[in-house]
Amino acid sequence: MAITACALTDGDFVNRFQPPVDIGCVPDDLGQGCGAARADRVLTVNLDAARPASLLVVRGITADVVAEISVDGESWAGVGMDGIVGSFIPATSARYIRLRSKADNGGLLLSLTELSLW
């Protein structure tokens, strides 16, 4: 099994995140239509285990996003990131990080280059 680096946590601060095509998208009869069905409004990163969390840094975002953390992937706590690059979190732990675009037109998370949690 080949293991590849996570494009959001690999230390590359230059290249933008390219979300995968939505696997639930059904193309039209010509095989077209899934190129725009990407994770451009909501993005969730699974860290595989709960880790101490005190600072979340999101690089490359050019629009307002809601940043949230969770230990179980069901109950989420906002971290107060409102169009800024980093946000301090009250001492806690997180396994999941979720970013949601505040705009309805989507595509705003496509400027994301790196996500870090300390």
Protein backbone atom coordinates (compact mmCIF):
# COMPACT_ATOMS: atom_id res chain seq x y z
CA MET A 1 0.00 0.00 0.00
CA ALA A 2 1.50 3.31 -1.07
CA ILE A 3 1.26 6.15 1.43
CA THR A 4 1.10 9.65 0.04
CA ALA A 5 1.52 12.92 1.91
CA CYS A 6 -1.55 14.94 2.76
CA ALA A 7 -1.56 17.96 0.43
CA LEU A 8 -2.80 20.16 3.28
CA THR A 9 -0.21 19.19 5.89
CA ASP A 10 2.87 18.39 3.80
CA GLY A 11 4.80 21.64 4.45
CA ASP A 12 4.27 22.97 0.91
CA PHE A 13 3.19 26.59 1.41
CA VAL A 14 3.14 27.44 -2.31
CA ASN A 15 0.97 24.94 -4.17
CA ARG A 16 -2.78 25.25 -3.74
CA PHE A 17 -4.89 22.39 -2.48
CA GLN A 18 -6.62 20.51 -5.30
CA PRO A 19 -9.69 18.82 -3.83
CA PRO A 20 -10.67 15.45 -5.22
CA VAL A 21 -13.72 15.13 -7.43
CA ASP A 22 -16.86 14.24 -5.48
CA ILE A 23 -17.16 10.44 -5.82
CA GLY A 24 -20.96 10.78 -5.62
CA CYS A 25 -21.08 12.91 -8.77
CA VAL A 26 -22.79 11.29 -11.73
CA PRO A 27 -21.50 12.60 -15.08
CA ASP A 28 -23.88 13.33 -17.95
CA ASP A 29 -24.21 11.09 -21.03
CA LEU A 30 -20.99 12.55 -22.47
CA GLY A 31 -19.01 11.92 -19.29
CA GLN A 32 -18.99 15.62 -18.42
CA GLY A 33 -20.11 17.52 -15.35
CA CYS A 34 -18.01 16.32 -12.42
CA GLY A 35 -15.11 18.72 -12.78
CA ALA A 36 -16.89 21.35 -10.68
CA ALA A 37 -18.16 18.85 -8.10
CA ARG A 38 -15.26 19.36 -5.73
CA ALA A 39 -14.83 19.88 -2.01
CA ASP A 40 -14.70 23.63 -2.37
CA ARG A 41 -17.18 24.64 0.33
CA VAL A 42 -16.44 22.21 3.15
CA LEU A 43 -13.16 20.48 3.87
CA THR A 44 -12.49 18.03 6.71
CA VAL A 45 -9.03 16.75 7.69
CA ASN A 46 -8.76 13.57 9.80
CA LEU A 47 -5.58 13.54 11.90
CA ASP A 48 -6.09 9.80 12.68
CA ALA A 49 -5.93 10.41 16.45
CA ALA A 50 -6.83 13.13 18.91
CA ARG A 51 -3.91 15.51 19.42
CA PRO A 52 -3.34 18.48 21.72
CA ALA A 53 -4.59 21.67 20.07
CA SER A 54 -3.79 25.26 20.97
CA LEU A 55 -3.21 27.01 17.61
CA LEU A 56 -4.73 26.48 14.18
CA VAL A 57 -3.03 28.14 11.20
CA VAL A 58 -4.62 28.15 7.75
CA ARG A 59 -2.52 29.55 4.91
CA GLY A 60 -3.70 30.78 1.52
CA ILE A 61 -7.34 31.43 2.37
CA THR A 62 -8.52 34.58 0.65
CA ALA A 63 -12.09 34.66 1.97
CA ASP A 64 -13.96 34.20 5.22
CA VAL A 65 -14.16 30.64 6.49
CA VAL A 66 -15.52 28.99 9.59
CA ALA A 67 -12.89 26.78 11.22
CA GLU A 68 -14.00 24.02 13.58
CA ILE A 69 -12.36 21.19 15.49
CA SER A 70 -13.76 17.92 16.81
CA VAL A 71 -12.56 14.86 18.69
CA ASP A 72 -15.31 12.53 17.41
CA GLY A 73 -16.33 14.04 14.04
CA GLU A 74 -19.87 14.61 15.30
CA SER A 75 -19.74 17.54 17.72
CA TRP A 76 -17.81 20.55 16.48
CA ALA A 77 -16.43 23.65 18.21
CA GLY A 78 -15.69 26.82 16.28
CA VAL A 79 -12.22 28.29 16.77
CA GLY A 80 -13.06 31.88 15.90
CA MET A 81 -11.25 32.07 12.58
CA ASP A 82 -13.01 34.76 10.65
CA GLY A 83 -10.98 35.61 7.58
CA ILE A 84 -7.67 35.55 9.46
CA VAL A 85 -4.66 33.29 9.02
CA GLY A 86 -4.35 31.82 12.52
CA SER A 87 -6.44 31.40 15.61
CA PHE A 88 -5.56 30.40 19.16
CA ILE A 89 -7.71 27.65 20.59
CA PRO A 90 -8.43 27.17 24.28
CA ALA A 91 -6.32 24.20 25.44
CA THR A 92 -8.12 21.16 24.08
CA SER A 93 -7.59 18.29 21.68
CA ALA A 94 -8.73 17.60 18.13
CA ARG A 95 -8.81 14.69 15.72
CA TYR A 96 -10.73 16.47 12.97
CA ILE A 97 -10.38 19.97 11.52
CA ARG A 98 -13.19 21.31 9.36
CA LEU A 99 -13.14 24.45 7.22
CA ARG A 100 -16.38 25.79 5.76
CA SER A 101 -16.70 28.60 3.25
CA LYS A 102 -19.05 31.36 4.37
CA ALA A 103 -19.98 32.14 0.77
CA ASP A 104 -22.63 30.25 -1.18
CA ASN A 105 -20.76 30.37 -4.47
CA GLY A 106 -18.11 27.85 -3.36
CA GLY A 107 -14.60 27.66 -4.73
CA LEU A 108 -13.24 29.76 -1.89
CA LEU A 109 -11.32 26.93 -0.24
CA LEU A 110 -9.41 26.35 -3.47
CA SER A 111 -6.87 29.02 -2.51
CA LEU A 112 -5.85 26.99 0.56
CA THR A 113 -2.18 25.97 0.60
CA GLU A 114 -1.45 24.59 4.09
CA LEU A 115 -3.14 23.78 7.38
CA SER A 116 -1.26 23.40 10.68
CA LEU A 117 -2.40 22.48 14.18
CA TRP A 118 -0.23 22.91 17.26
